Amino acid sequence: MTAPVQVEILGQKLTVTSDDEERHVRSVAAYVDAKMREMGGVQGLSPYTRAILVALNIASECQKLRESQEEVERAVSRISNLFEQLPSAPDGEEISERA
């Protein structure tokens, strides 16, 4: 575990301990701070409600990225399977590209 890192979100100083590098912790805190500030323009939200909405938005972004990653992994797997089905050249011969 790395040393505790002091970050600031919406003016509140927090001490975070994490297995991640300090640079990563600060980057994540800055991202959360920016998202919290974006929600600041919505009138009548309590800090708690704002934090819940920001958490939902970030979780949605994360879920979409996971789905995209899975889609890419499936595409890579399909392409890999296609390459495996291609005939291989006999030993010592090169396959030349056709124009």
PDB file of N, CA and C in Angstrom:
ATOM      1  N   MET A   1       0.849  -1.183   0.000  1.00  0.00           N
ATOM      2  CA  MET A   1       0.000   0.000   0.000  1.00  0.00           C
ATOM      3  C   MET A   1       0.890   1.240   0.000  1.00  0.00           C
ATOM      4  N   THR A   2       0.488   2.226  -0.794  1.00  0.00           N
ATOM      5  CA  THR A   2       1.269   3.450  -0.867  1.00  0.00           C
ATOM      6  C   THR A   2       0.924   4.365   0.298  1.00  0.00           C
ATOM      7  N   ALA A   3       1.682   5.436   0.410  1.00  0.00           N
ATOM      8  CA  ALA A   3       1.444   6.410   1.474  1.00  0.00           C
ATOM      9  C   ALA A   3       0.097   7.102   1.242  1.00  0.00           C
ATOM     10  N   PRO A   4      -0.557   7.546   2.306  1.00  0.00           N
ATOM     11  CA  PRO A   4      -1.818   8.275   2.153  1.00  0.00           C
ATOM     12  C   PRO A   4      -1.636   9.510   1.272  1.00  0.00           C
ATOM     13  N   VAL A   5      -2.662   9.817   0.496  1.00  0.00           N
ATOM     14  CA  VAL A   5      -2.634  10.954  -0.416  1.00  0.00           C
ATOM     15  C   VAL A   5      -3.754  11.901  -0.013  1.00  0.00           C
ATOM     16  N   GLN A   6      -3.417  13.171   0.125  1.00  0.00           N
ATOM     17  CA  GLN A   6      -4.444  14.150   0.451  1.00  0.00           C
ATOM     18  C   GLN A   6      -4.980  14.733  -0.847  1.00  0.00           C
ATOM     19  N   VAL A   7      -6.300  14.673  -1.014  1.00  0.00           N
ATOM     20  CA  VAL A   7      -6.963  15.208  -2.202  1.00  0.00           C
ATOM     21  C   VAL A   7      -8.057  16.173  -1.746  1.00  0.00           C
ATOM     22  N   GLU A   8      -8.597  16.887  -2.701  1.00  0.00           N
ATOM     23  CA  GLU A   8      -9.655  17.836  -2.378  1.00  0.00           C
ATOM     24  C   GLU A   8     -10.792  17.673  -3.369  1.00  0.00           C
ATOM     25  N   ILE A   9     -11.997  17.492  -2.838  1.00  0.00           N
ATOM     26  CA  ILE A   9     -13.198  17.381  -3.667  1.00  0.00           C
ATOM     27  C   ILE A   9     -14.214  18.373  -3.124  1.00  0.00           C
ATOM     28  N   LEU A  10     -14.631  19.276  -3.989  1.00  0.00           N
ATOM     29  CA  LEU A  10     -15.555  20.351  -3.615  1.00  0.00           C
ATOM     30  C   LEU A  10     -15.084  21.113  -2.386  1.00  0.00           C
ATOM     31  N   GLY A  11     -13.786  21.350  -2.337  1.00  0.00           N
ATOM     32  CA  GLY A  11     -13.218  22.128  -1.251  1.00  0.00           C
ATOM     33  C   GLY A  11     -12.989  21.357   0.031  1.00  0.00           C
ATOM     34  N   GLN A  12     -13.412  20.092   0.066  1.00  0.00           N
ATOM     35  CA  GLN A  12     -13.224  19.272   1.263  1.00  0.00           C
ATOM     36  C   GLN A  12     -11.972  18.417   1.090  1.00  0.00           C
ATOM     37  N   LYS A  13     -11.061  18.553   2.042  1.00  0.00           N
ATOM     38  CA  LYS A  13      -9.824  17.770   1.993  1.00  0.00           C
ATOM     39  C   LYS A  13     -10.085  16.369   2.531  1.00  0.00           C
ATOM     40  N   LEU A  14      -9.595  15.383   1.780  1.00  0.00           N
ATOM     41  CA  LEU A  14      -9.761  13.988   2.157  1.00  0.00           C
ATOM     42  C   LEU A  14      -8.408  13.293   2.088  1.00  0.00           C
ATOM     43  N   THR A  15      -8.167  12.370   2.993  1.00  0.00           N
ATOM     44  CA  THR A  15      -6.954  11.568   2.942  1.00  0.00           C
ATOM     45  C   THR A  15      -7.345  10.190   2.435  1.00  0.00           C
ATOM     46  N   VAL A  16      -6.695   9.797   1.347  1.00  0.00           N
ATOM     47  CA  VAL A  16      -7.019   8.533   0.690  1.00  0.00           C
ATOM     48  C   VAL A  16      -5.818   7.602   0.757  1.00  0.00           C
ATOM     49  N   THR A  17      -6.055   6.370   1.182  1.00  0.00           N
ATOM     50  CA  THR A  17      -5.017   5.355   1.089  1.00  0.00           C
ATOM     51  C   THR A  17      -5.470   4.353   0.029  1.00  0.00           C
ATOM     52  N   SER A  18      -4.519   3.935  -0.781  1.00  0.00           N
ATOM     53  CA  SER A  18      -4.848   3.071  -1.905  1.00  0.00           C
ATOM     54  C   SER A  18      -3.623   2.270  -2.309  1.00  0.00           C
ATOM     55  N   ASP A  19      -3.859   1.159  -2.982  1.00  0.00           N
ATOM     56  CA  ASP A  19      -2.762   0.387  -3.563  1.00  0.00           C
ATOM     57  C   ASP A  19      -2.287   1.022  -4.870  1.00  0.00           C
ATOM     58  N   ASP A  20      -3.055   1.975  -5.381  1.00  0.00           N
ATOM     59  CA  ASP A  20      -2.699   2.645  -6.628  1.00  0.00           C
ATOM     60  C   ASP A  20      -1.669   3.743  -6.388  1.00  0.00           C
ATOM     61  N   GLU A  21      -1.004   4.134  -7.458  1.00  0.00           N
ATOM     62  CA  GLU A  21      -0.006   5.194  -7.365  1.00  0.00           C
ATOM     63  C   GLU A  21      -0.664   6.534  -7.053  1.00  0.00           C
ATOM     64  N   GLU A  22       0.104   7.408  -6.436  1.00  0.00           N
ATOM     65  CA  GLU A  22      -0.408   8.726  -6.059  1.00  0.00           C
ATOM     66  C   GLU A  22      -0.979   9.465  -7.264  1.00  0.00           C
ATOM     67  N   ARG A  23      -0.285   9.397  -8.386  1.00  0.00           N
ATOM     68  CA  ARG A  23      -0.743  10.092  -9.603  1.00  0.00           C
ATOM     69  C   ARG A  23      -2.142   9.617  -9.995  1.00  0.00           C
ATOM     70  N   HIS A  24      -2.380   8.318  -9.894  1.00  0.00           N
ATOM     71  CA  HIS A  24      -3.692   7.758 -10.228  1.00  0.00           C
ATOM     72  C   HIS A  24      -4.758   8.241  -9.241  1.00  0.00           C
ATOM     73  N   VAL A  25      -4.449   8.206  -7.959  1.00  0.00           N
ATOM     74  CA  VAL A  25      -5.401   8.646  -6.938  1.00  0.00           C
ATOM     75  C   VAL A  25      -5.780  10.103  -7.162  1.00  0.00           C
ATOM     76  N   ARG A  26      -4.789  10.938  -7.436  1.00  0.00           N
ATOM     77  CA  ARG A  26      -5.063  12.360  -7.681  1.00  0.00           C
ATOM     78  C   ARG A  26      -5.904  12.556  -8.946  1.00  0.00           C
ATOM     79  N   SER A  27      -5.615  11.773  -9.967  1.00  0.00           N
ATOM     80  CA  SER A  27      -6.369  11.869 -11.219  1.00  0.00           C
ATOM     81  C   SER A  27      -7.836  11.487 -11.006  1.00  0.00           C
ATOM     82  N   VAL A  28      -8.058  10.410 -10.263  1.00  0.00           N
ATOM     83  CA  VAL A  28      -9.429   9.975  -9.972  1.00  0.00           C
ATOM     84  C   VAL A  28     -10.152  11.027  -9.135  1.00  0.00           C
ATOM     85  N   ALA A  29      -9.484  11.568  -8.136  1.00  0.00           N
ATOM     86  CA  ALA A  29     -10.099  12.596  -7.288  1.00  0.00           C
ATOM     87  C   ALA A  29     -10.450  13.835  -8.110  1.00  0.00           C
ATOM     88  N   ALA A  30      -9.571  14.217  -9.019  1.00  0.00           N
ATOM     89  CA  ALA A  30      -9.845  15.380  -9.866  1.00  0.00           C
ATOM     90  C   ALA A  30     -11.049  15.116 -10.762  1.00  0.00           C
ATOM     91  N   TYR A  31     -11.159  13.887 -11.257  1.00  0.00           N
ATOM     92  CA  TYR A  31     -12.293  13.523 -12.105  1.00  0.00           C
ATOM     93  C   TYR A  31     -13.598  13.597 -11.316  1.00  0.00           C
ATOM     94  N   VAL A  32     -13.592  13.038 -10.104  1.00  0.00           N
ATOM     95  CA  VAL A  32     -14.788  13.079  -9.250  1.00  0.00           C
ATOM     96  C   VAL A  32     -15.137  14.524  -8.902  1.00  0.00           C
ATOM     97  N   ASP A  33     -14.131  15.328  -8.587  1.00  0.00           N
ATOM     98  CA  ASP A  33     -14.360  16.735  -8.269  1.00  0.00           C
ATOM     99  C   ASP A  33     -15.019  17.456  -9.450  1.00  0.00           C
ATOM    100  N   ALA A  34     -14.514  17.206 -10.658  1.00  0.00           N
ATOM    101  CA  ALA A  34     -15.090  17.849 -11.853  1.00  0.00           C
ATOM    102  C   ALA A  34     -16.541  17.414 -12.056  1.00  0.00           C
ATOM    103  N   LYS A  35     -16.820  16.137 -11.870  1.00  0.00           N
ATOM    104  CA  LYS A  35     -18.194  15.634 -12.026  1.00  0.00           C
ATOM    105  C   LYS A  35     -19.117  16.229 -10.964  1.00  0.00           C
ATOM    106  N   MET A  36     -18.609  16.349  -9.733  1.00  0.00           N
ATOM    107  CA  MET A  36     -19.411  16.955  -8.670  1.00  0.00           C
ATOM    108  C   MET A  36     -19.713  18.414  -8.985  1.00  0.00           C
ATOM    109  N   ARG A  37     -18.726  19.115  -9.529  1.00  0.00           N
ATOM    110  CA  ARG A  37     -18.924  20.522  -9.880  1.00  0.00           C
ATOM    111  C   ARG A  37     -19.917  20.675 -11.032  1.00  0.00           C
ATOM    112  N   GLU A  38     -19.888  19.744 -11.980  1.00  0.00           N
ATOM    113  CA  GLU A  38     -20.872  19.777 -13.075  1.00  0.00           C
ATOM    114  C   GLU A  38     -22.290  19.701 -12.526  1.00  0.00           C
ATOM    115  N   MET A  39     -22.494  18.872 -11.513  1.00  0.00           N
ATOM    116  CA  MET A  39     -23.823  18.719 -10.905  1.00  0.00           C
ATOM    117  C   MET A  39     -24.185  19.910 -10.029  1.00  0.00           C
ATOM    118  N   GLY A  40     -23.203  20.742  -9.713  1.00  0.00           N
ATOM    119  CA  GLY A  40     -23.453  21.900  -8.854  1.00  0.00           C
ATOM    120  C   GLY A  40     -24.436  22.887  -9.444  1.00  0.00           C
ATOM    121  N   GLY A  41     -24.572  22.881 -10.769  1.00  0.00           N
ATOM    122  CA  GLY A  41     -25.491  23.807 -11.428  1.00  0.00           C
ATOM    123  C   GLY A  41     -26.951  23.417 -11.279  1.00  0.00           C
ATOM    124  N   VAL A  42     -27.201  22.204 -10.822  1.00  0.00           N
ATOM    125  CA  VAL A  42     -28.584  21.748 -10.644  1.00  0.00           C
ATOM    126  C   VAL A  42     -29.081  22.246  -9.293  1.00  0.00           C
ATOM    127  N   GLN A  43     -30.104  23.068  -9.349  1.00  0.00           N
ATOM    128  CA  GLN A  43     -30.614  23.704  -8.123  1.00  0.00           C
ATOM    129  C   GLN A  43     -31.362  22.703  -7.243  1.00  0.00           C
ATOM    130  N   GLY A  44     -31.244  22.882  -5.946  1.00  0.00           N
ATOM    131  CA  GLY A  44     -32.034  22.127  -4.985  1.00  0.00           C
ATOM    132  C   GLY A  44     -31.496  20.747  -4.643  1.00  0.00           C
ATOM    133  N   LEU A  45     -30.308  20.408  -5.114  1.00  0.00           N
ATOM    134  CA  LEU A  45     -29.755  19.097  -4.779  1.00  0.00           C
ATOM    135  C   LEU A  45     -28.964  19.176  -3.493  1.00  0.00           C
ATOM    136  N   SER A  46     -29.222  18.247  -2.609  1.00  0.00           N
ATOM    137  CA  SER A  46     -28.402  18.162  -1.399  1.00  0.00           C
ATOM    138  C   SER A  46     -27.057  17.577  -1.809  1.00  0.00           C
ATOM    139  N   PRO A  47     -26.013  17.798  -1.011  1.00  0.00           N
ATOM    140  CA  PRO A  47     -24.714  17.194  -1.327  1.00  0.00           C
ATOM    141  C   PRO A  47     -24.806  15.674  -1.468  1.00  0.00           C
ATOM    142  N   TYR A  48     -25.633  15.047  -0.645  1.00  0.00           N
ATOM    143  CA  TYR A  48     -25.801  13.589  -0.702  1.00  0.00           C
ATOM    144  C   TYR A  48     -26.411  13.173  -2.037  1.00  0.00           C
ATOM    145  N   THR A  49     -27.480  13.848  -2.447  1.00  0.00           N
ATOM    146  CA  THR A  49     -28.141  13.525  -3.713  1.00  0.00           C
ATOM    147  C   THR A  49     -27.196  13.764  -4.879  1.00  0.00           C
ATOM    148  N   ARG A  50     -26.439  14.851  -4.807  1.00  0.00           N
ATOM    149  CA  ARG A  50     -25.473  15.153  -5.863  1.00  0.00           C
ATOM    150  C   ARG A  50     -24.436  14.027  -5.966  1.00  0.00           C
ATOM    151  N   ALA A  51     -23.940  13.571  -4.821  1.00  0.00           N
ATOM    152  CA  ALA A  51     -22.942  12.500  -4.813  1.00  0.00           C
ATOM    153  C   ALA A  51     -23.524  11.208  -5.389  1.00  0.00           C
ATOM    154  N   ILE A  52     -24.778  10.891  -5.063  1.00  0.00           N
ATOM    155  CA  ILE A  52     -25.417   9.684  -5.592  1.00  0.00           C
ATOM    156  C   ILE A  52     -25.566   9.792  -7.106  1.00  0.00           C
ATOM    157  N   LEU A  53     -26.000  10.943  -7.613  1.00  0.00           N
ATOM    158  CA  LEU A  53     -26.155  11.125  -9.058  1.00  0.00           C
ATOM    159  C   LEU A  53     -24.815  11.040  -9.787  1.00  0.00           C
ATOM    160  N   VAL A  54     -23.784  11.621  -9.191  1.00  0.00           N
ATOM    161  CA  VAL A  54     -22.448  11.535  -9.783  1.00  0.00           C
ATOM    162  C   VAL A  54     -21.982  10.087  -9.790  1.00  0.00           C
ATOM    163  N   ALA A  55     -22.213   9.365  -8.696  1.00  0.00           N
ATOM    164  CA  ALA A  55     -21.826   7.950  -8.643  1.00  0.00           C
ATOM    165  C   ALA A  55     -22.560   7.156  -9.723  1.00  0.00           C
ATOM    166  N   LEU A  56     -23.843   7.427  -9.918  1.00  0.00           N
ATOM    167  CA  LEU A  56     -24.603   6.740 -10.963  1.00  0.00           C
ATOM    168  C   LEU A  56     -24.051   7.060 -12.354  1.00  0.00           C
ATOM    169  N   ASN A  57     -23.718   8.326 -12.590  1.00  0.00           N
ATOM    170  CA  ASN A  57     -23.166   8.714 -13.891  1.00  0.00           C
ATOM    171  C   ASN A  57     -21.815   8.041 -14.150  1.00  0.00           C
ATOM    172  N   ILE A  58     -20.959   8.013 -13.140  1.00  0.00           N
ATOM    173  CA  ILE A  58     -19.649   7.380 -13.292  1.00  0.00           C
ATOM    174  C   ILE A  58     -19.809   5.866 -13.476  1.00  0.00           C
ATOM    175  N   ALA A  59     -20.727   5.253 -12.734  1.00  0.00           N
ATOM    176  CA  ALA A  59     -20.975   3.820 -12.893  1.00  0.00           C
ATOM    177  C   ALA A  59     -21.503   3.518 -14.295  1.00  0.00           C
ATOM    178  N   SER A  60     -22.326   4.393 -14.830  1.00  0.00           N
ATOM    179  CA  SER A  60     -22.838   4.221 -16.190  1.00  0.00           C
ATOM    180  C   SER A  60     -21.700   4.291 -17.208  1.00  0.00           C
ATOM    181  N   GLU A  61     -20.807   5.261 -17.034  1.00  0.00           N
ATOM    182  CA  GLU A  61     -19.641   5.370 -17.922  1.00  0.00           C
ATOM    183  C   GLU A  61     -18.806   4.091 -17.850  1.00  0.00           C
ATOM    184  N   CYS A  62     -18.591   3.605 -16.640  1.00  0.00           N
ATOM    185  CA  CYS A  62     -17.792   2.403 -16.425  1.00  0.00           C
ATOM    186  C   CYS A  62     -18.448   1.197 -17.099  1.00  0.00           C
ATOM    187  N   GLN A  63     -19.751   1.055 -16.935  1.00  0.00           N
ATOM    188  CA  GLN A  63     -20.470  -0.071 -17.532  1.00  0.00           C
ATOM    189  C   GLN A  63     -20.388  -0.018 -19.061  1.00  0.00           C
ATOM    190  N   LYS A  64     -20.547   1.164 -19.634  1.00  0.00           N
ATOM    191  CA  LYS A  64     -20.460   1.308 -21.095  1.00  0.00           C
ATOM    192  C   LYS A  64     -19.057   0.949 -21.590  1.00  0.00           C
ATOM    193  N   LEU A  65     -18.038   1.350 -20.847  1.00  0.00           N
ATOM    194  CA  LEU A  65     -16.662   1.006 -21.219  1.00  0.00           C
ATOM    195  C   LEU A  65     -16.428  -0.498 -21.136  1.00  0.00           C
ATOM    196  N   ARG A  66     -16.975  -1.130 -20.113  1.00  0.00           N
ATOM    197  CA  ARG A  66     -16.845  -2.588 -19.987  1.00  0.00           C
ATOM    198  C   ARG A  66     -17.509  -3.285 -21.168  1.00  0.00           C
ATOM    199  N   GLU A  67     -18.711  -2.821 -21.524  1.00  0.00           N
ATOM    200  CA  GLU A  67     -19.416  -3.425 -22.656  1.00  0.00           C
ATOM    201  C   GLU A  67     -18.637  -3.228 -23.945  1.00  0.00           C
ATOM    202  N   SER A  68     -18.055  -2.054 -24.134  1.00  0.00           N
ATOM    203  CA  SER A  68     -17.232  -1.791 -25.319  1.00  0.00           C
ATOM    204  C   SER A  68     -16.008  -2.690 -25.327  1.00  0.00           C
ATOM    205  N   GLN A  69     -15.366  -2.849 -24.179  1.00  0.00           N
ATOM    206  CA  GLN A  69     -14.187  -3.705 -24.080  1.00  0.00           C
ATOM    207  C   GLN A  69     -14.557  -5.148 -24.428  1.00  0.00           C
ATOM    208  N   GLU A  70     -15.686  -5.624 -23.917  1.00  0.00           N
ATOM    209  CA  GLU A  70     -16.119  -6.987 -24.224  1.00  0.00           C
ATOM    210  C   GLU A  70     -16.389  -7.148 -25.718  1.00  0.00           C
ATOM    211  N   GLU A  71     -16.981  -6.130 -26.324  1.00  0.00           N
ATOM    212  CA  GLU A  71     -17.251  -6.157 -27.764  1.00  0.00           C
ATOM    213  C   GLU A  71     -15.941  -6.229 -28.560  1.00  0.00           C
ATOM    214  N   VAL A  72     -14.962  -5.442 -28.151  1.00  0.00           N
ATOM    215  CA  VAL A  72     -13.653  -5.464 -28.814  1.00  0.00           C
ATOM    216  C   VAL A  72     -13.001  -6.828 -28.633  1.00  0.00           C
ATOM    217  N   GLU A  73     -13.072  -7.382 -27.424  1.00  0.00           N
ATOM    218  CA  GLU A  73     -12.485  -8.694 -27.167  1.00  0.00           C
ATOM    219  C   GLU A  73     -13.146  -9.774 -28.026  1.00  0.00           C
ATOM    220  N   ARG A  74     -14.471  -9.694 -28.194  1.00  0.00           N
ATOM    221  CA  ARG A  74     -15.158 -10.663 -29.059  1.00  0.00           C
ATOM    222  C   ARG A  74     -14.709 -10.508 -30.506  1.00  0.00           C
ATOM    223  N   ALA A  75     -14.555  -9.261 -30.974  1.00  0.00           N
ATOM    224  CA  ALA A  75     -14.112  -9.019 -32.345  1.00  0.00           C
ATOM    225  C   ALA A  75     -12.697  -9.540 -32.559  1.00  0.00           C
ATOM    226  N   VAL A  76     -11.823  -9.309 -31.600  1.00  0.00           N
ATOM    227  CA  VAL A  76     -10.442  -9.803 -31.697  1.00  0.00           C
ATOM    228  C   VAL A  76     -10.446 -11.327 -31.733  1.00  0.00           C
ATOM    229  N   SER A  77     -11.278 -11.934 -30.924  1.00  0.00           N
ATOM    230  CA  SER A  77     -11.367 -13.392 -30.899  1.00  0.00           C
ATOM    231  C   SER A  77     -11.847 -13.927 -32.246  1.00  0.00           C
ATOM    232  N   ARG A  78     -12.858 -13.281 -32.833  1.00  0.00           N
ATOM    233  CA  ARG A  78     -13.354 -13.716 -34.150  1.00  0.00           C
ATOM    234  C   ARG A  78     -12.268 -13.595 -35.205  1.00  0.00           C
ATOM    235  N   ILE A  79     -11.537 -12.475 -35.191  1.00  0.00           N
ATOM    236  CA  ILE A  79     -10.462 -12.261 -36.155  1.00  0.00           C
ATOM    237  C   ILE A  79      -9.358 -13.290 -35.943  1.00  0.00           C
ATOM    238  N   SER A  80      -9.028 -13.553 -34.701  1.00  0.00           N
ATOM    239  CA  SER A  80      -8.005 -14.542 -34.383  1.00  0.00           C
ATOM    240  C   SER A  80      -8.415 -15.919 -34.902  1.00  0.00           C
ATOM    241  N   ASN A  81      -9.680 -16.267 -34.717  1.00  0.00           N
ATOM    242  CA  ASN A  81     -10.182 -17.551 -35.216  1.00  0.00           C
ATOM    243  C   ASN A  81     -10.106 -17.623 -36.740  1.00  0.00           C
ATOM    244  N   LEU A  82     -10.390 -16.511 -37.405  1.00  0.00           N
ATOM    245  CA  LEU A  82     -10.280 -16.481 -38.874  1.00  0.00           C
ATOM    246  C   LEU A  82      -8.840 -16.707 -39.310  1.00  0.00           C
ATOM    247  N   PHE A  83      -7.894 -16.078 -38.634  1.00  0.00           N
ATOM    248  CA  PHE A  83      -6.477 -16.255 -38.977  1.00  0.00           C
ATOM    249  C   PHE A  83      -6.048 -17.708 -38.773  1.00  0.00           C
ATOM    250  N   GLU A  84      -6.570 -18.326 -37.726  1.00  0.00           N
ATOM    251  CA  GLU A  84      -6.219 -19.719 -37.464  1.00  0.00           C
ATOM    252  C   GLU A  84      -6.738 -20.649 -38.558  1.00  0.00           C
ATOM    253  N   GLN A  85      -7.804 -20.248 -39.227  1.00  0.00           N
ATOM    254  CA  GLN A  85      -8.392 -21.072 -40.281  1.00  0.00           C
ATOM    255  C   GLN A  85      -7.696 -20.898 -41.625  1.00  0.00           C
ATOM    256  N   LEU A  86      -6.874 -19.861 -41.763  1.00  0.00           N
ATOM    257  CA  LEU A  86      -6.154 -19.650 -43.016  1.00  0.00           C
ATOM    258  C   LEU A  86      -5.138 -20.766 -43.217  1.00  0.00           C
ATOM    259  N   PRO A  87      -4.978 -21.183 -44.479  1.00  0.00           N
ATOM    260  CA  PRO A  87      -3.954 -22.205 -44.721  1.00  0.00           C
ATOM    261  C   PRO A  87      -2.573 -21.616 -44.462  1.00  0.00           C
ATOM    262  N   SER A  88      -1.711 -22.416 -43.892  1.00  0.00           N
ATOM    263  CA  SER A  88      -0.351 -21.943 -43.638  1.00  0.00           C
ATOM    264  C   SER A  88       0.535 -22.370 -44.790  1.00  0.00           C
ATOM    265  N   ALA A  89       1.589 -21.619 -45.019  1.00  0.00           N
ATOM    266  CA  ALA A  89       2.540 -21.925 -46.088  1.00  0.00           C
ATOM    267  C   ALA A  89       3.408 -23.094 -45.652  1.00  0.00           C
ATOM    268  N   PRO A  90       3.802 -23.915 -46.607  1.00  0.00           N
ATOM    269  CA  PRO A  90       4.738 -24.992 -46.257  1.00  0.00           C
ATOM    270  C   PRO A  90       6.011 -24.396 -45.667  1.00  0.00           C
ATOM    271  N   ASP A  91       6.696 -25.165 -44.848  1.00  0.00           N
ATOM    272  CA  ASP A  91       7.924 -24.687 -44.200  1.00  0.00           C
ATOM    273  C   ASP A  91       8.878 -24.079 -45.208  1.00  0.00           C
ATOM    274  N   GLY A  92       9.396 -22.924 -44.849  1.00  0.00           N
ATOM    275  CA  GLY A  92      10.402 -22.269 -45.679  1.00  0.00           C
ATOM    276  C   GLY A  92       9.829 -21.412 -46.784  1.00  0.00           C
ATOM    277  N   GLU A  93       8.542 -21.501 -47.074  1.00  0.00           N
ATOM    278  CA  GLU A  93       7.965 -20.667 -48.139  1.00  0.00           C
ATOM    279  C   GLU A  93       7.331 -19.435 -47.532  1.00  0.00           C
ATOM    280  N   GLU A  94       7.397 -18.380 -48.287  1.00  0.00           N
ATOM    281  CA  GLU A  94       6.757 -17.142 -47.847  1.00  0.00           C
ATOM    282  C   GLU A  94       5.485 -16.951 -48.631  1.00  0.00           C
ATOM    283  N   ILE A  95       4.500 -16.379 -47.981  1.00  0.00           N
ATOM    284  CA  ILE A  95       3.259 -16.052 -48.672  1.00  0.00           C
ATOM    285  C   ILE A  95       3.370 -14.612 -49.096  1.00  0.00           C
ATOM    286  N   SER A  96       3.223 -14.370 -50.387  1.00  0.00           N
ATOM    287  CA  SER A  96       3.334 -12.991 -50.869  1.00  0.00           C
ATOM    288  C   SER A  96       1.960 -12.375 -50.968  1.00  0.00           C
ATOM    289  N   GLU A  97       1.937 -11.067 -50.799  1.00  0.00           N
ATOM    290  CA  GLU A  97       0.684 -10.333 -50.898  1.00  0.00           C
ATOM    291  C   GLU A  97       0.337 -10.100 -52.347  1.00  0.00           C
ATOM    292  N   ARG A  98      -0.933 -10.154 -52.629  1.00  0.00           N
ATOM    293  CA  ARG A  98      -1.390  -9.855 -53.983  1.00  0.00           C
ATOM    294  C   ARG A  98      -1.961  -8.438 -53.990  1.00  0.00           C
ATOM    295  N   ALA A  99      -1.678  -7.738 -55.067  1.00  0.00           N
ATOM    296  CA  ALA A  99      -2.185  -6.373 -55.165  1.00  0.00           C
ATOM    297  C   ALA A  99      -3.557  -6.369 -55.760  1.00  0.00           C
TER     298      ALA A  99
END
